[in-house]
Amino acid sequence: MIEGFLNVLETVRLMDVKRLIWASSYAQLGPPHLYSQPKVDEDVPIKPKVGHGGSFMINEFNTQFIGKPMA
């Protein structure tokens, strides 16, 4: 799944797409009982407990590098 999303990001970069909107997964947050507040937002620390949750976490991390030169 990570390689497929990297292909999407590379296509976005090559085509100079200005905005990419994609839906992640609650799986990267981990089970609800790990959080004290009833609702979570993008500022809570992520705590994936299953494999695909980690994949979504990595995909989200990789979006930070679209269009930025790799040194």
PDB file of N, CA and C in Angstrom:
ATOM      1  N   MET A   1       0.825  -1.191   0.000  1.00  0.00           N
ATOM      2  CA  MET A   1       0.000   0.000   0.000  1.00  0.00           C
ATOM      3  C   MET A   1       0.870   1.256   0.000  1.00  0.00           C
ATOM      4  N   ILE A   2       1.995   1.235   0.659  1.00  0.00           N
ATOM      5  CA  ILE A   2       2.855   2.417   0.717  1.00  0.00           C
ATOM      6  C   ILE A   2       3.414   2.738  -0.660  1.00  0.00           C
ATOM      7  N   GLU A   3       3.871   1.711  -1.386  1.00  0.00           N
ATOM      8  CA  GLU A   3       4.432   1.950  -2.714  1.00  0.00           C
ATOM      9  C   GLU A   3       3.376   2.517  -3.659  1.00  0.00           C
ATOM     10  N   GLY A   4       2.157   2.017  -3.575  1.00  0.00           N
ATOM     11  CA  GLY A   4       1.080   2.536  -4.413  1.00  0.00           C
ATOM     12  C   GLY A   4       0.816   4.009  -4.144  1.00  0.00           C
ATOM     13  N   PHE A   5       0.814   4.393  -2.876  1.00  0.00           N
ATOM     14  CA  PHE A   5       0.578   5.794  -2.541  1.00  0.00           C
ATOM     15  C   PHE A   5       1.750   6.663  -2.970  1.00  0.00           C
ATOM     16  N   LEU A   6       2.971   6.126  -2.892  1.00  0.00           N
ATOM     17  CA  LEU A   6       4.128   6.879  -3.392  1.00  0.00           C
ATOM     18  C   LEU A   6       3.997   7.133  -4.888  1.00  0.00           C
ATOM     19  N   ASN A   7       3.420   6.180  -5.623  1.00  0.00           N
ATOM     20  CA  ASN A   7       3.170   6.396  -7.050  1.00  0.00           C
ATOM     21  C   ASN A   7       2.180   7.535  -7.260  1.00  0.00           C
ATOM     22  N   VAL A   8       1.151   7.591  -6.424  1.00  0.00           N
ATOM     23  CA  VAL A   8       0.189   8.694  -6.500  1.00  0.00           C
ATOM     24  C   VAL A   8       0.898  10.020  -6.233  1.00  0.00           C
ATOM     25  N   LEU A   9       1.718  10.075  -5.194  1.00  0.00           N
ATOM     26  CA  LEU A   9       2.426  11.312  -4.858  1.00  0.00           C
ATOM     27  C   LEU A   9       3.370  11.736  -5.974  1.00  0.00           C
ATOM     28  N   GLU A  10       4.049  10.778  -6.591  1.00  0.00           N
ATOM     29  CA  GLU A  10       4.960  11.106  -7.685  1.00  0.00           C
ATOM     30  C   GLU A  10       4.187  11.647  -8.885  1.00  0.00           C
ATOM     31  N   THR A  11       3.032  11.077  -9.177  1.00  0.00           N
ATOM     32  CA  THR A  11       2.201  11.577 -10.272  1.00  0.00           C
ATOM     33  C   THR A  11       1.711  12.985  -9.974  1.00  0.00           C
ATOM     34  N   VAL A  12       1.304  13.231  -8.737  1.00  0.00           N
ATOM     35  CA  VAL A  12       0.882  14.575  -8.321  1.00  0.00           C
ATOM     36  C   VAL A  12       2.015  15.571  -8.547  1.00  0.00           C
ATOM     37  N   ARG A  13       3.216  15.174  -8.180  1.00  0.00           N
ATOM     38  CA  ARG A  13       4.378  16.057  -8.345  1.00  0.00           C
ATOM     39  C   ARG A  13       4.671  16.312  -9.822  1.00  0.00           C
ATOM     40  N   LEU A  14       4.681  15.260 -10.627  1.00  0.00           N
ATOM     41  CA  LEU A  14       5.013  15.398 -12.045  1.00  0.00           C
ATOM     42  C   LEU A  14       3.974  16.214 -12.805  1.00  0.00           C
ATOM     43  N   MET A  15       2.719  16.111 -12.402  1.00  0.00           N
ATOM     44  CA  MET A  15       1.647  16.834 -13.088  1.00  0.00           C
ATOM     45  C   MET A  15       1.396  18.199 -12.471  1.00  0.00           C
ATOM     46  N   ASP A  16       2.193  18.576 -11.477  1.00  0.00           N
ATOM     47  CA  ASP A  16       2.088  19.873 -10.816  1.00  0.00           C
ATOM     48  C   ASP A  16       0.677  20.129 -10.284  1.00  0.00           C
ATOM     49  N   VAL A  17       0.109  19.106  -9.673  1.00  0.00           N
ATOM     50  CA  VAL A  17      -1.218  19.226  -9.064  1.00  0.00           C
ATOM     51  C   VAL A  17      -1.101  20.143  -7.853  1.00  0.00           C
ATOM     52  N   LYS A  18      -2.002  21.094  -7.747  1.00  0.00           N
ATOM     53  CA  LYS A  18      -1.923  22.092  -6.672  1.00  0.00           C
ATOM     54  C   LYS A  18      -2.477  21.595  -5.342  1.00  0.00           C
ATOM     55  N   ARG A  19      -3.405  20.655  -5.383  1.00  0.00           N
ATOM     56  CA  ARG A  19      -4.006  20.188  -4.130  1.00  0.00           C
ATOM     57  C   ARG A  19      -4.361  18.711  -4.261  1.00  0.00           C
ATOM     58  N   LEU A  20      -3.974  17.953  -3.267  1.00  0.00           N
ATOM     59  CA  LEU A  20      -4.327  16.540  -3.183  1.00  0.00           C
ATOM     60  C   LEU A  20      -5.182  16.358  -1.938  1.00  0.00           C
ATOM     61  N   ILE A  21      -6.356  15.821  -2.130  1.00  0.00           N
ATOM     62  CA  ILE A  21      -7.240  15.528  -1.004  1.00  0.00           C
ATOM     63  C   ILE A  21      -7.397  14.016  -0.944  1.00  0.00           C
ATOM     64  N   TRP A  22      -7.097  13.468   0.214  1.00  0.00           N
ATOM     65  CA  TRP A  22      -7.247  12.028   0.372  1.00  0.00           C
ATOM     66  C   TRP A  22      -7.709  11.730   1.784  1.00  0.00           C
ATOM     67  N   ALA A  23      -8.381  10.618   1.927  1.00  0.00           N
ATOM     68  CA  ALA A  23      -8.882  10.219   3.240  1.00  0.00           C
ATOM     69  C   ALA A  23      -7.932   9.203   3.842  1.00  0.00           C
ATOM     70  N   SER A  24      -7.567   9.417   5.060  1.00  0.00           N
ATOM     71  CA  SER A  24      -6.707   8.480   5.761  1.00  0.00           C
ATOM     72  C   SER A  24      -7.588   7.434   6.439  1.00  0.00           C
ATOM     73  N   SER A  25      -7.199   6.955   7.572  1.00  0.00           N
ATOM     74  CA  SER A  25      -7.961   5.926   8.275  1.00  0.00           C
ATOM     75  C   SER A  25      -7.854   6.137   9.779  1.00  0.00           C
ATOM     76  N   TYR A  26      -8.912   5.829  10.464  1.00  0.00           N
ATOM     77  CA  TYR A  26      -8.852   5.916  11.924  1.00  0.00           C
ATOM     78  C   TYR A  26      -7.890   4.871  12.486  1.00  0.00           C
ATOM     79  N   ALA A  27      -7.505   3.892  11.680  1.00  0.00           N
ATOM     80  CA  ALA A  27      -6.603   2.834  12.152  1.00  0.00           C
ATOM     81  C   ALA A  27      -5.250   3.387  12.584  1.00  0.00           C
ATOM     82  N   GLN A  28      -4.848   4.523  12.010  1.00  0.00           N
ATOM     83  CA  GLN A  28      -3.561   5.082  12.424  1.00  0.00           C
ATOM     84  C   GLN A  28      -3.629   5.703  13.813  1.00  0.00           C
ATOM     85  N   LEU A  29      -4.827   5.982  14.296  1.00  0.00           N
ATOM     86  CA  LEU A  29      -4.981   6.559  15.633  1.00  0.00           C
ATOM     87  C   LEU A  29      -4.950   5.508  16.726  1.00  0.00           C
ATOM     88  N   GLY A  30      -5.276   4.290  16.391  1.00  0.00           N
ATOM     89  CA  GLY A  30      -5.340   3.245  17.398  1.00  0.00           C
ATOM     90  C   GLY A  30      -6.720   3.186  18.031  1.00  0.00           C
ATOM     91  N   PRO A  31      -6.918   2.264  18.947  1.00  0.00           N
ATOM     92  CA  PRO A  31      -8.225   2.085  19.577  1.00  0.00           C
ATOM     93  C   PRO A  31      -8.670   3.321  20.365  1.00  0.00           C
ATOM     94  N   PRO A  32      -9.971   3.599  20.386  1.00  0.00           N
ATOM     95  CA  PRO A  32     -10.490   4.779  21.089  1.00  0.00           C
ATOM     96  C   PRO A  32     -10.135   4.826  22.570  1.00  0.00           C
ATOM     97  N   HIS A  33      -9.978   3.684  23.213  1.00  0.00           N
ATOM     98  CA  HIS A  33      -9.699   3.699  24.659  1.00  0.00           C
ATOM     99  C   HIS A  33      -8.313   4.271  24.987  1.00  0.00           C
ATOM    100  N   LEU A  34      -7.485   4.505  23.977  1.00  0.00           N
ATOM    101  CA  LEU A  34      -6.161   5.091  24.215  1.00  0.00           C
ATOM    102  C   LEU A  34      -6.213   6.601  24.445  1.00  0.00           C
ATOM    103  N   TYR A  35      -7.387   7.200  24.233  1.00  0.00           N
ATOM    104  CA  TYR A  35      -7.506   8.656  24.314  1.00  0.00           C
ATOM    105  C   TYR A  35      -8.459   9.050  25.427  1.00  0.00           C
ATOM    106  N   SER A  36      -8.106  10.121  26.125  1.00  0.00           N
ATOM    107  CA  SER A  36      -8.946  10.572  27.233  1.00  0.00           C
ATOM    108  C   SER A  36     -10.127  11.413  26.754  1.00  0.00           C
ATOM    109  N   GLN A  37      -9.977  12.105  25.626  1.00  0.00           N
ATOM    110  CA  GLN A  37     -11.064  12.942  25.136  1.00  0.00           C
ATOM    111  C   GLN A  37     -11.976  12.132  24.200  1.00  0.00           C
ATOM    112  N   PRO A  38     -13.276  12.481  24.169  1.00  0.00           N
ATOM    113  CA  PRO A  38     -14.209  11.708  23.344  1.00  0.00           C
ATOM    114  C   PRO A  38     -13.993  11.893  21.847  1.00  0.00           C
ATOM    115  N   LYS A  39     -13.464  13.033  21.444  1.00  0.00           N
ATOM    116  CA  LYS A  39     -13.212  13.282  20.022  1.00  0.00           C
ATOM    117  C   LYS A  39     -11.729  13.560  19.840  1.00  0.00           C
ATOM    118  N   VAL A  40     -11.206  13.124  18.724  1.00  0.00           N
ATOM    119  CA  VAL A  40      -9.799  13.385  18.428  1.00  0.00           C
ATOM    120  C   VAL A  40      -9.711  14.212  17.155  1.00  0.00           C
ATOM    121  N   ASP A  41      -8.629  14.960  17.018  1.00  0.00           N
ATOM    122  CA  ASP A  41      -8.392  15.725  15.802  1.00  0.00           C
ATOM    123  C   ASP A  41      -6.971  15.451  15.328  1.00  0.00           C
ATOM    124  N   GLU A  42      -6.512  16.219  14.343  1.00  0.00           N
ATOM    125  CA  GLU A  42      -5.200  15.964  13.752  1.00  0.00           C
ATOM    126  C   GLU A  42      -4.033  16.268  14.690  1.00  0.00           C
ATOM    127  N   ASP A  43      -4.305  16.835  15.851  1.00  0.00           N
ATOM    128  CA  ASP A  43      -3.229  17.171  16.782  1.00  0.00           C
ATOM    129  C   ASP A  43      -2.924  16.078  17.812  1.00  0.00           C
ATOM    130  N   VAL A  44      -3.746  15.044  17.882  1.00  0.00           N
ATOM    131  CA  VAL A  44      -3.473  13.983  18.857  1.00  0.00           C
ATOM    132  C   VAL A  44      -2.329  13.107  18.355  1.00  0.00           C
ATOM    133  N   PRO A  45      -1.538  12.558  19.260  1.00  0.00           N
ATOM    134  CA  PRO A  45      -0.475  11.650  18.824  1.00  0.00           C
ATOM    135  C   PRO A  45      -1.080  10.366  18.257  1.00  0.00           C
ATOM    136  N   ILE A  46      -0.493   9.877  17.191  1.00  0.00           N
ATOM    137  CA  ILE A  46      -1.028   8.663  16.582  1.00  0.00           C
ATOM    138  C   ILE A  46      -0.397   7.437  17.229  1.00  0.00           C
ATOM    139  N   LYS A  47      -1.225   6.412  17.383  1.00  0.00           N
ATOM    140  CA  LYS A  47      -0.802   5.191  18.078  1.00  0.00           C
ATOM    141  C   LYS A  47      -1.339   3.964  17.345  1.00  0.00           C
ATOM    142  N   PRO A  48      -0.895   3.730  16.110  1.00  0.00           N
ATOM    143  CA  PRO A  48      -1.453   2.594  15.368  1.00  0.00           C
ATOM    144  C   PRO A  48      -1.141   1.265  16.055  1.00  0.00           C
ATOM    145  N   LYS A  49      -2.112   0.384  16.047  1.00  0.00           N
ATOM    146  CA  LYS A  49      -1.935  -0.929  16.672  1.00  0.00           C
ATOM    147  C   LYS A  49      -2.025  -2.066  15.655  1.00  0.00           C
ATOM    148  N   VAL A  50      -2.362  -1.760  14.417  1.00  0.00           N
ATOM    149  CA  VAL A  50      -2.449  -2.775  13.363  1.00  0.00           C
ATOM    150  C   VAL A  50      -1.603  -2.326  12.182  1.00  0.00           C
ATOM    151  N   GLY A  51      -1.223  -3.271  11.330  1.00  0.00           N
ATOM    152  CA  GLY A  51      -0.323  -2.987  10.218  1.00  0.00           C
ATOM    153  C   GLY A  51      -0.780  -1.887   9.289  1.00  0.00           C
ATOM    154  N   HIS A  52      -2.043  -1.929   8.868  1.00  0.00           N
ATOM    155  CA  HIS A  52      -2.462  -0.903   7.916  1.00  0.00           C
ATOM    156  C   HIS A  52      -2.561   0.470   8.568  1.00  0.00           C
ATOM    157  N   GLY A  53      -2.697   0.535   9.871  1.00  0.00           N
ATOM    158  CA  GLY A  53      -2.647   1.833  10.555  1.00  0.00           C
ATOM    159  C   GLY A  53      -1.275   2.462  10.416  1.00  0.00           C
ATOM    160  N   GLY A  54      -0.243   1.642  10.529  1.00  0.00           N
ATOM    161  CA  GLY A  54       1.120   2.130  10.323  1.00  0.00           C
ATOM    162  C   GLY A  54       1.358   2.572   8.897  1.00  0.00           C
ATOM    163  N   SER A  55       0.750   1.863   7.935  1.00  0.00           N
ATOM    164  CA  SER A  55       0.880   2.253   6.529  1.00  0.00           C
ATOM    165  C   SER A  55       0.270   3.624   6.285  1.00  0.00           C
ATOM    166  N   PHE A  56      -0.913   3.860   6.850  1.00  0.00           N
ATOM    167  CA  PHE A  56      -1.534   5.174   6.696  1.00  0.00           C
ATOM    168  C   PHE A  56      -0.687   6.253   7.353  1.00  0.00           C
ATOM    169  N   MET A  57      -0.084   5.939   8.481  1.00  0.00           N
ATOM    170  CA  MET A  57       0.783   6.893   9.164  1.00  0.00           C
ATOM    171  C   MET A  57       1.972   7.257   8.264  1.00  0.00           C
ATOM    172  N   ILE A  58       2.592   6.271   7.644  1.00  0.00           N
ATOM    173  CA  ILE A  58       3.722   6.521   6.746  1.00  0.00           C
ATOM    174  C   ILE A  58       3.272   7.307   5.522  1.00  0.00           C
ATOM    175  N   ASN A  59       2.110   6.954   4.964  1.00  0.00           N
ATOM    176  CA  ASN A  59       1.600   7.691   3.806  1.00  0.00           C
ATOM    177  C   ASN A  59       1.389   9.162   4.142  1.00  0.00           C
ATOM    178  N   GLU A  60       0.803   9.419   5.294  1.00  0.00           N
ATOM    179  CA  GLU A  60       0.576  10.806   5.696  1.00  0.00           C
ATOM    180  C   GLU A  60       1.903  11.541   5.876  1.00  0.00           C
ATOM    181  N   PHE A  61       2.879  10.879   6.459  1.00  0.00           N
ATOM    182  CA  PHE A  61       4.213  11.459   6.616  1.00  0.00           C
ATOM    183  C   PHE A  61       4.813  11.801   5.248  1.00  0.00           C
ATOM    184  N   ASN A  62       4.672  10.903   4.286  1.00  0.00           N
ATOM    185  CA  ASN A  62       5.257  11.121   2.962  1.00  0.00           C
ATOM    186  C   ASN A  62       4.636  12.297   2.213  1.00  0.00           C
ATOM    187  N   THR A  63       3.397  12.659   2.531  1.00  0.00           N
ATOM    188  CA  THR A  63       2.771  13.789   1.837  1.00  0.00           C
ATOM    189  C   THR A  63       3.487  15.105   2.128  1.00  0.00           C
ATOM    190  N   GLN A  64       4.249  15.162   3.203  1.00  0.00           N
ATOM    191  CA  GLN A  64       4.968  16.391   3.551  1.00  0.00           C
ATOM    192  C   GLN A  64       6.060  16.727   2.544  1.00  0.00           C
ATOM    193  N   PHE A  65       6.455  15.760   1.734  1.00  0.00           N
ATOM    194  CA  PHE A  65       7.603  15.950   0.862  1.00  0.00           C
ATOM    195  C   PHE A  65       7.244  16.162  -0.601  1.00  0.00           C
ATOM    196  N   ILE A  66       5.964  16.290  -0.915  1.00  0.00           N
ATOM    197  CA  ILE A  66       5.564  16.535  -2.299  1.00  0.00           C
ATOM    198  C   ILE A  66       6.169  17.850  -2.759  1.00  0.00           C
ATOM    199  N   GLY A  67       6.886  17.798  -3.847  1.00  0.00           N
ATOM    200  CA  GLY A  67       7.436  19.010  -4.444  1.00  0.00           C
ATOM    201  C   GLY A  67       8.654  19.581  -3.754  1.00  0.00           C
ATOM    202  N   LYS A  68       9.144  18.937  -2.719  1.00  0.00           N
ATOM    203  CA  LYS A  68      10.326  19.446  -2.026  1.00  0.00           C
ATOM    204  C   LYS A  68      11.548  18.667  -2.498  1.00  0.00           C
ATOM    205  N   PRO A  69      12.650  19.357  -2.761  1.00  0.00           N
ATOM    206  CA  PRO A  69      13.849  18.648  -3.227  1.00  0.00           C
ATOM    207  C   PRO A  69      14.412  17.733  -2.144  1.00  0.00           C
ATOM    208  N   MET A  70      14.865  16.588  -2.552  1.00  0.00           N
ATOM    209  CA  MET A  70      15.493  15.654  -1.622  1.00  0.00           C
ATOM    210  C   MET A  70      16.993  15.910  -1.644  1.00  0.00           C
ATOM    211  N   ALA A  71      17.563  16.287  -0.515  1.00  0.00           N
ATOM    212  CA  ALA A  71      18.991  16.622  -0.462  1.00  0.00           C
ATOM    213  C   ALA A  71      19.822  15.415  -0.120  1.00  0.00           C
TER     214      ALA A  71
END
